[in-house]
């Protein structure tokens, strides 16, 4: 009986912390969106000739915001459904690699780094497709079920 009560108390604490994290992340996303729209206005409207770096920086900010939204979706799914969706995590990883590819372009790193990131992105893409097909067949379950 004590173990069950201890488990419920621990689960309540974890759920509360996850929800608090989700609220903080949601507020961060809202504030970041406002900042992004301000930057977009300055770069695309006020500046008649934006540079390549300006556009790449905007794209990097957009991808970072999408990544944060994806992490929030994963967190909320884990809290509400008590499942950890594997496919959503792979999507977040793909977005992180894509963001890194764009920042490699900004930082002017070597072609080997870009090639490595491309290979990682392709592997994640294949994993995403394979897990999607396995989920359709019902042969893979989400973690924490």
N, C-alpha and C. Protein backbone atom coordinates (compact mmCIF):
# COMPACT_ATOMS: atom_id res chain seq x y z
N UNK A 1 0.82 -1.19 0.00
CA UNK A 1 0.00 0.00 0.00
C UNK A 1 0.87 1.26 0.00
N UNK A 2 1.94 1.23 0.83
CA UNK A 2 2.83 2.38 0.89
C UNK A 2 3.54 2.60 -0.43
N UNK A 3 3.92 1.51 -1.10
CA UNK A 3 4.60 1.64 -2.38
C UNK A 3 3.71 2.32 -3.40
N UNK A 4 2.43 1.96 -3.42
CA UNK A 4 1.49 2.56 -4.35
C UNK A 4 1.30 4.04 -4.05
N UNK A 5 1.20 4.41 -2.76
CA UNK A 5 1.05 5.82 -2.38
C UNK A 5 2.32 6.60 -2.72
N UNK A 6 3.47 5.99 -2.48
CA UNK A 6 4.74 6.64 -2.82
C UNK A 6 4.88 6.84 -4.32
N UNK A 7 4.45 5.84 -5.09
CA UNK A 7 4.49 5.95 -6.55
C UNK A 7 3.57 7.07 -7.02
N UNK A 8 2.37 7.15 -6.47
CA UNK A 8 1.42 8.19 -6.87
C UNK A 8 1.95 9.58 -6.52
N UNK A 9 2.57 9.70 -5.35
CA UNK A 9 3.13 10.99 -4.95
C UNK A 9 4.28 11.39 -5.88
N UNK A 10 5.13 10.44 -6.18
CA UNK A 10 6.25 10.72 -7.08
C UNK A 10 5.75 11.07 -8.47
N UNK A 11 4.74 10.36 -8.94
CA UNK A 11 4.16 10.63 -10.26
C UNK A 11 3.54 12.03 -10.30
N UNK A 12 2.88 12.43 -9.21
CA UNK A 12 2.28 13.76 -9.13
C UNK A 12 3.36 14.84 -9.19
N UNK A 13 4.47 14.63 -8.48
CA UNK A 13 5.57 15.59 -8.50
C UNK A 13 6.16 15.68 -9.91
N UNK A 14 6.39 14.55 -10.53
CA UNK A 14 6.96 14.54 -11.88
C UNK A 14 6.01 15.21 -12.87
N UNK A 15 4.72 14.88 -12.80
CA UNK A 15 3.74 15.51 -13.69
C UNK A 15 3.69 17.02 -13.49
N UNK A 16 3.75 17.45 -12.22
CA UNK A 16 3.73 18.89 -11.93
C UNK A 16 4.95 19.59 -12.50
N UNK A 17 6.12 18.97 -12.35
CA UNK A 17 7.34 19.56 -12.91
C UNK A 17 7.31 19.58 -14.43
N UNK A 18 6.77 18.53 -15.04
CA UNK A 18 6.66 18.51 -16.50
C UNK A 18 5.71 19.59 -16.99
N UNK A 19 4.61 19.78 -16.29
CA UNK A 19 3.67 20.84 -16.68
C UNK A 19 4.28 22.23 -16.48
N UNK A 20 5.02 22.41 -15.40
CA UNK A 20 5.70 23.68 -15.16
C UNK A 20 6.71 23.95 -16.29
N UNK A 21 7.45 22.93 -16.65
CA UNK A 21 8.40 23.06 -17.76
C UNK A 21 7.68 23.40 -19.06
N UNK A 22 6.53 22.77 -19.29
CA UNK A 22 5.75 23.05 -20.50
C UNK A 22 5.27 24.49 -20.51
N UNK A 23 4.82 25.01 -19.38
CA UNK A 23 4.36 26.40 -19.31
C UNK A 23 5.52 27.36 -19.57
N UNK A 24 6.67 27.10 -18.96
CA UNK A 24 7.84 27.95 -19.17
C UNK A 24 8.27 27.90 -20.64
N UNK A 25 8.26 26.71 -21.22
CA UNK A 25 8.63 26.58 -22.63
C UNK A 25 7.62 27.29 -23.53
N UNK A 26 6.34 27.20 -23.21
CA UNK A 26 5.32 27.88 -24.01
C UNK A 26 5.49 29.40 -23.94
N UNK A 27 5.78 29.93 -22.75
CA UNK A 27 6.02 31.37 -22.63
C UNK A 27 7.27 31.79 -23.40
N UNK A 28 8.29 30.96 -23.35
CA UNK A 28 9.51 31.24 -24.10
C UNK A 28 9.22 31.26 -25.60
N UNK A 29 8.39 30.33 -26.05
CA UNK A 29 8.03 30.28 -27.48
C UNK A 29 7.28 31.53 -27.89
N UNK A 30 6.35 31.98 -27.05
CA UNK A 30 5.58 33.19 -27.37
C UNK A 30 6.51 34.40 -27.45
N UNK A 31 7.38 34.55 -26.45
CA UNK A 31 8.31 35.69 -26.47
C UNK A 31 9.28 35.61 -27.63
N UNK A 32 9.75 34.42 -27.94
CA UNK A 32 10.65 34.24 -29.08
C UNK A 32 9.96 34.53 -30.39
N UNK A 33 8.69 34.19 -30.49
CA UNK A 33 7.92 34.50 -31.70
C UNK A 33 7.82 36.00 -31.92
N UNK A 34 7.56 36.71 -30.84
CA UNK A 34 7.48 38.17 -30.94
C UNK A 34 8.82 38.74 -31.42
N UNK A 35 9.89 38.26 -30.82
CA UNK A 35 11.23 38.71 -31.21
C UNK A 35 11.53 38.36 -32.67
N UNK A 36 11.11 37.16 -33.09
CA UNK A 36 11.33 36.74 -34.48
C UNK A 36 10.58 37.64 -35.45
N UNK A 37 9.33 37.98 -35.13
CA UNK A 37 8.58 38.86 -36.03
C UNK A 37 9.20 40.25 -36.10
N UNK A 38 9.74 40.73 -34.98
CA UNK A 38 10.45 42.01 -35.02
C UNK A 38 11.67 41.93 -35.93
N UNK A 39 12.44 40.86 -35.78
CA UNK A 39 13.63 40.68 -36.62
C UNK A 39 13.25 40.55 -38.09
N UNK A 40 12.18 39.82 -38.37
CA UNK A 40 11.74 39.66 -39.75
C UNK A 40 11.34 41.01 -40.34
N UNK A 41 10.67 41.82 -39.55
CA UNK A 41 10.27 43.13 -40.02
C UNK A 41 11.50 43.98 -40.35
N UNK A 42 12.47 43.97 -39.46
CA UNK A 42 13.68 44.78 -39.67
C UNK A 42 14.45 44.29 -40.89
N UNK A 43 14.64 42.97 -40.99
CA UNK A 43 15.47 42.43 -42.07
C UNK A 43 14.75 42.47 -43.42
N UNK A 44 13.49 42.13 -43.46
CA UNK A 44 12.80 41.98 -44.74
C UNK A 44 12.02 43.22 -45.19
N UNK A 45 11.55 44.04 -44.25
CA UNK A 45 10.74 45.19 -44.64
C UNK A 45 11.56 46.48 -44.62
N UNK A 46 12.23 46.76 -43.50
CA UNK A 46 12.98 48.01 -43.39
C UNK A 46 14.26 48.00 -44.23
N UNK A 47 14.85 46.83 -44.38
CA UNK A 47 16.10 46.73 -45.13
C UNK A 47 15.79 46.27 -46.56
N UNK A 48 15.97 47.14 -47.54
CA UNK A 48 15.62 46.75 -48.92
C UNK A 48 16.53 45.68 -49.51
N UNK A 49 17.75 45.56 -49.02
CA UNK A 49 18.70 44.58 -49.55
C UNK A 49 19.29 43.73 -48.42
N UNK A 50 18.54 42.74 -47.95
CA UNK A 50 19.10 41.92 -46.86
C UNK A 50 20.25 41.06 -47.38
N UNK A 51 21.22 40.85 -46.52
CA UNK A 51 22.36 40.02 -46.89
C UNK A 51 22.02 38.55 -46.70
N UNK A 52 22.90 37.71 -47.24
CA UNK A 52 22.73 36.26 -47.10
C UNK A 52 22.75 35.86 -45.63
N UNK A 53 23.64 36.46 -44.86
CA UNK A 53 23.72 36.14 -43.43
C UNK A 53 22.46 36.55 -42.68
N UNK A 54 21.85 37.67 -43.08
CA UNK A 54 20.60 38.10 -42.43
C UNK A 54 19.51 37.06 -42.65
N UNK A 55 19.39 36.59 -43.87
CA UNK A 55 18.35 35.61 -44.20
C UNK A 55 18.64 34.27 -43.51
N UNK A 56 19.91 33.85 -43.51
CA UNK A 56 20.27 32.59 -42.84
C UNK A 56 20.04 32.68 -41.34
N UNK A 57 20.30 33.84 -40.76
CA UNK A 57 20.05 34.03 -39.32
C UNK A 57 18.56 33.93 -39.03
N UNK A 58 17.75 34.53 -39.88
CA UNK A 58 16.29 34.42 -39.71
C UNK A 58 15.84 32.97 -39.83
N UNK A 59 16.35 32.28 -40.81
CA UNK A 59 15.98 30.88 -41.01
C UNK A 59 16.41 30.03 -39.81
N UNK A 60 17.58 30.32 -39.27
CA UNK A 60 18.06 29.63 -38.07
C UNK A 60 17.12 29.88 -36.89
N UNK A 61 16.68 31.12 -36.73
CA UNK A 61 15.76 31.45 -35.64
C UNK A 61 14.42 30.74 -35.82
N UNK A 62 13.95 30.67 -37.06
CA UNK A 62 12.68 30.00 -37.34
C UNK A 62 12.78 28.51 -37.01
N UNK A 63 13.88 27.89 -37.44
CA UNK A 63 14.06 26.46 -37.15
C UNK A 63 14.21 26.20 -35.65
N UNK A 64 14.86 27.09 -34.94
CA UNK A 64 14.99 26.95 -33.50
C UNK A 64 13.62 27.06 -32.83
N UNK A 65 12.80 27.94 -33.31
CA UNK A 65 11.44 28.09 -32.78
C UNK A 65 10.60 26.84 -33.08
N UNK A 66 10.72 26.31 -34.29
CA UNK A 66 10.00 25.08 -34.63
C UNK A 66 10.48 23.93 -33.77
N UNK A 67 11.76 23.88 -33.50
CA UNK A 67 12.32 22.84 -32.63
C UNK A 67 11.76 22.96 -31.22
N UNK A 68 11.65 24.17 -30.71
CA UNK A 68 11.08 24.37 -29.38
C UNK A 68 9.61 23.95 -29.35
N UNK A 69 8.88 24.24 -30.41
CA UNK A 69 7.47 23.83 -30.48
C UNK A 69 7.37 22.31 -30.52
N UNK A 70 8.27 21.68 -31.25
CA UNK A 70 8.28 20.22 -31.33
C UNK A 70 8.59 19.59 -29.97
N UNK A 71 9.52 20.18 -29.25
CA UNK A 71 9.85 19.69 -27.91
C UNK A 71 8.66 19.88 -26.98
N UNK A 72 7.97 21.00 -27.10
CA UNK A 72 6.77 21.23 -26.29
C UNK A 72 5.70 20.19 -26.62
N UNK A 73 5.52 19.89 -27.88
CA UNK A 73 4.54 18.87 -28.29
C UNK A 73 4.90 17.51 -27.71
N UNK A 74 6.18 17.17 -27.75
CA UNK A 74 6.63 15.90 -27.17
C UNK A 74 6.37 15.87 -25.67
N UNK A 75 6.69 16.94 -25.01
CA UNK A 75 6.50 17.02 -23.55
C UNK A 75 5.03 16.91 -23.19
N UNK A 76 4.18 17.63 -23.89
CA UNK A 76 2.74 17.57 -23.59
C UNK A 76 2.15 16.20 -23.90
N UNK A 77 2.62 15.57 -24.96
CA UNK A 77 2.15 14.22 -25.27
C UNK A 77 2.56 13.25 -24.18
N UNK A 78 3.77 13.40 -23.69
CA UNK A 78 4.25 12.52 -22.61
C UNK A 78 3.44 12.73 -21.34
N UNK A 79 3.04 13.96 -21.04
CA UNK A 79 2.29 14.24 -19.82
C UNK A 79 0.83 13.78 -19.96
N UNK A 80 0.21 14.16 -21.06
CA UNK A 80 -1.22 13.89 -21.21
C UNK A 80 -1.51 12.42 -21.48
N UNK A 81 -0.79 11.83 -22.41
CA UNK A 81 -1.08 10.45 -22.81
C UNK A 81 -0.22 9.43 -22.06
N UNK A 82 0.73 9.93 -21.27
CA UNK A 82 1.67 9.06 -20.55
C UNK A 82 2.40 8.12 -21.50
N UNK A 83 2.71 8.65 -22.67
CA UNK A 83 3.47 7.92 -23.68
C UNK A 83 4.58 8.82 -24.17
N UNK A 84 5.63 8.21 -24.64
CA UNK A 84 6.75 8.95 -25.19
C UNK A 84 6.83 8.64 -26.68
N UNK A 85 6.31 9.52 -27.52
CA UNK A 85 6.23 9.23 -28.96
C UNK A 85 7.60 9.23 -29.63
N UNK A 86 8.02 8.08 -30.07
CA UNK A 86 9.35 7.90 -30.66
C UNK A 86 9.49 8.72 -31.94
N UNK A 87 8.46 8.72 -32.75
CA UNK A 87 8.53 9.40 -34.04
C UNK A 87 8.70 10.92 -33.87
N UNK A 88 8.06 11.49 -32.86
CA UNK A 88 8.18 12.93 -32.63
C UNK A 88 9.60 13.27 -32.19
N UNK A 89 10.21 12.40 -31.42
CA UNK A 89 11.59 12.63 -30.99
C UNK A 89 12.53 12.61 -32.20
N UNK A 90 12.28 11.70 -33.13
CA UNK A 90 13.11 11.64 -34.34
C UNK A 90 12.91 12.92 -35.17
N UNK A 91 11.66 13.41 -35.23
CA UNK A 91 11.40 14.67 -35.94
C UNK A 91 12.19 15.81 -35.31
N UNK A 92 12.21 15.86 -33.99
CA UNK A 92 12.96 16.91 -33.29
C UNK A 92 14.45 16.79 -33.60
N UNK A 93 14.95 15.57 -33.64
CA UNK A 93 16.37 15.36 -33.97
C UNK A 93 16.66 15.81 -35.40
N UNK A 94 15.73 15.52 -36.32
CA UNK A 94 15.91 15.95 -37.71
C UNK A 94 15.96 17.47 -37.80
N UNK A 95 15.08 18.15 -37.05
CA UNK A 95 15.08 19.61 -37.05
C UNK A 95 16.38 20.16 -36.46
N UNK A 96 16.88 19.51 -35.42
CA UNK A 96 18.13 19.96 -34.82
C UNK A 96 19.29 19.81 -35.80
N UNK A 97 19.32 18.72 -36.54
CA UNK A 97 20.39 18.51 -37.53
C UNK A 97 20.25 19.53 -38.66
N UNK A 98 19.02 19.77 -39.10
CA UNK A 98 18.79 20.75 -40.16
C UNK A 98 19.24 22.14 -39.71
N UNK A 99 18.94 22.48 -38.49
CA UNK A 99 19.38 23.77 -37.94
C UNK A 99 20.91 23.84 -37.91
N UNK A 100 21.53 22.75 -37.53
CA UNK A 100 23.00 22.72 -37.49
C UNK A 100 23.59 22.86 -38.89
N UNK A 101 22.94 22.26 -39.88
CA UNK A 101 23.42 22.40 -41.27
C UNK A 101 23.38 23.86 -41.69
N UNK A 102 22.31 24.54 -41.32
CA UNK A 102 22.21 25.96 -41.67
C UNK A 102 23.26 26.77 -40.92
N UNK A 103 23.49 26.45 -39.66
CA UNK A 103 24.50 27.22 -38.91
C UNK A 103 25.91 26.90 -39.39
N UNK A 104 26.13 25.69 -39.95
CA UNK A 104 27.43 25.39 -40.56
C UNK A 104 27.66 26.33 -41.73
N UNK A 105 26.61 26.59 -42.48
CA UNK A 105 26.73 27.52 -43.60
C UNK A 105 27.08 28.92 -43.09
N UNK A 106 26.48 29.31 -41.97
CA UNK A 106 26.76 30.63 -41.42
C UNK A 106 28.19 30.72 -40.90
N UNK A 107 28.64 29.64 -40.23
CA UNK A 107 29.98 29.64 -39.62
C UNK A 107 31.07 29.25 -40.62
N UNK A 108 30.69 28.84 -41.81
CA UNK A 108 31.65 28.47 -42.86
C UNK A 108 32.58 27.34 -42.43
N UNK A 109 32.01 26.27 -41.91
CA UNK A 109 32.81 25.11 -41.56
C UNK A 109 33.11 24.28 -42.81
N UNK A 110 33.93 23.28 -42.65
CA UNK A 110 34.39 22.52 -43.80
C UNK A 110 33.31 21.58 -44.36
N UNK A 111 33.56 21.09 -45.54
CA UNK A 111 32.60 20.24 -46.25
C UNK A 111 32.41 18.90 -45.56
N UNK A 112 33.42 18.42 -44.84
CA UNK A 112 33.31 17.14 -44.15
C UNK A 112 32.24 17.19 -43.05
N UNK A 113 32.19 18.31 -42.34
CA UNK A 113 31.16 18.49 -41.31
C UNK A 113 29.78 18.52 -41.95
N UNK A 114 29.67 19.22 -43.06
CA UNK A 114 28.39 19.30 -43.77
C UNK A 114 27.97 17.93 -44.29
N UNK A 115 28.91 17.17 -44.81
CA UNK A 115 28.64 15.82 -45.29
C UNK A 115 28.19 14.92 -44.14
N UNK A 116 28.87 15.02 -43.01
CA UNK A 116 28.51 14.21 -41.84
C UNK A 116 27.09 14.53 -41.37
N UNK A 117 26.76 15.81 -41.32
CA UNK A 117 25.41 16.20 -40.90
C UNK A 117 24.36 15.71 -41.91
N UNK A 118 24.70 15.75 -43.18
CA UNK A 118 23.78 15.24 -44.20
C UNK A 118 23.53 13.75 -44.04
N UNK A 119 24.58 13.00 -43.73
CA UNK A 119 24.42 11.55 -43.51
C UNK A 119 23.56 11.29 -42.28
N UNK A 120 23.79 12.03 -41.21
CA UNK A 120 22.97 11.88 -40.00
C UNK A 120 21.51 12.19 -40.31
N UNK A 121 21.27 13.25 -41.09
CA UNK A 121 19.90 13.61 -41.46
C UNK A 121 19.25 12.49 -42.28
N UNK A 122 19.98 11.92 -43.21
CA UNK A 122 19.43 10.81 -44.01
C UNK A 122 19.11 9.59 -43.14
N UNK A 123 19.99 9.27 -42.21
CA UNK A 123 19.73 8.13 -41.30
C UNK A 123 18.48 8.39 -40.47
N UNK A 124 18.36 9.60 -39.93
CA UNK A 124 17.15 9.94 -39.16
C UNK A 124 15.90 9.88 -40.03
N UNK A 125 16.02 10.31 -41.28
CA UNK A 125 14.87 10.26 -42.19
C UNK A 125 14.43 8.82 -42.44
N UNK A 126 15.40 7.93 -42.67
CA UNK A 126 15.07 6.52 -42.86
C UNK A 126 14.44 5.93 -41.60
N UNK A 127 14.98 6.29 -40.44
CA UNK A 127 14.39 5.81 -39.19
C UNK A 127 12.94 6.29 -39.04
N UNK A 128 12.69 7.55 -39.39
CA UNK A 128 11.36 8.13 -39.29
C UNK A 128 10.38 7.36 -40.20
N UNK A 129 10.82 7.07 -41.42
CA UNK A 129 9.97 6.33 -42.37
C UNK A 129 9.73 4.90 -41.87
N UNK A 130 10.77 4.23 -41.43
CA UNK A 130 10.64 2.84 -40.97
C UNK A 130 9.73 2.76 -39.75
N UNK A 131 9.92 3.64 -38.78
CA UNK A 131 9.08 3.61 -37.58
C UNK A 131 7.64 3.94 -37.94
N UNK A 132 7.44 4.86 -38.88
CA UNK A 132 6.08 5.17 -39.33
C UNK A 132 5.39 3.96 -39.93
N UNK A 133 6.10 3.22 -40.75
CA UNK A 133 5.52 2.01 -41.35
C UNK A 133 5.27 0.94 -40.29
N UNK A 134 6.17 0.82 -39.33
CA UNK A 134 5.99 -0.15 -38.26
C UNK A 134 4.80 0.22 -37.38
N UNK A 135 4.60 1.53 -37.14
CA UNK A 135 3.45 1.97 -36.35
C UNK A 135 2.14 1.67 -37.08
N UNK A 136 2.14 1.84 -38.42
CA UNK A 136 0.94 1.53 -39.20
C UNK A 136 0.57 0.05 -39.09
N UNK A 137 1.58 -0.81 -39.05
CA UNK A 137 1.34 -2.24 -38.93
C UNK A 137 1.06 -2.65 -37.50
N UNK A 138 1.33 -1.75 -36.55
CA UNK A 138 1.13 -2.07 -35.14
C UNK A 138 2.24 -2.88 -34.53
N UNK A 139 3.41 -2.89 -35.17
CA UNK A 139 4.50 -3.70 -34.66
C UNK A 139 5.47 -2.92 -33.77
N UNK A 140 5.22 -1.64 -33.54
CA UNK A 140 6.04 -0.87 -32.62
C UNK A 140 5.11 -0.08 -31.72
N UNK A 141 5.46 0.00 -30.45
CA UNK A 141 4.66 0.77 -29.51
C UNK A 141 5.49 1.93 -29.01
N UNK A 142 4.79 2.95 -28.55
CA UNK A 142 5.49 4.09 -27.99
C UNK A 142 6.04 3.70 -26.62
N UNK A 143 7.13 4.32 -26.26
CA UNK A 143 7.74 4.01 -24.97
C UNK A 143 6.88 4.54 -23.82
N UNK A 144 7.08 4.01 -22.66
CA UNK A 144 6.38 4.39 -21.43
C UNK A 144 4.91 4.02 -21.44
N UNK A 145 4.48 3.09 -22.26
CA UNK A 145 3.08 2.69 -22.27
C UNK A 145 2.80 1.81 -21.09
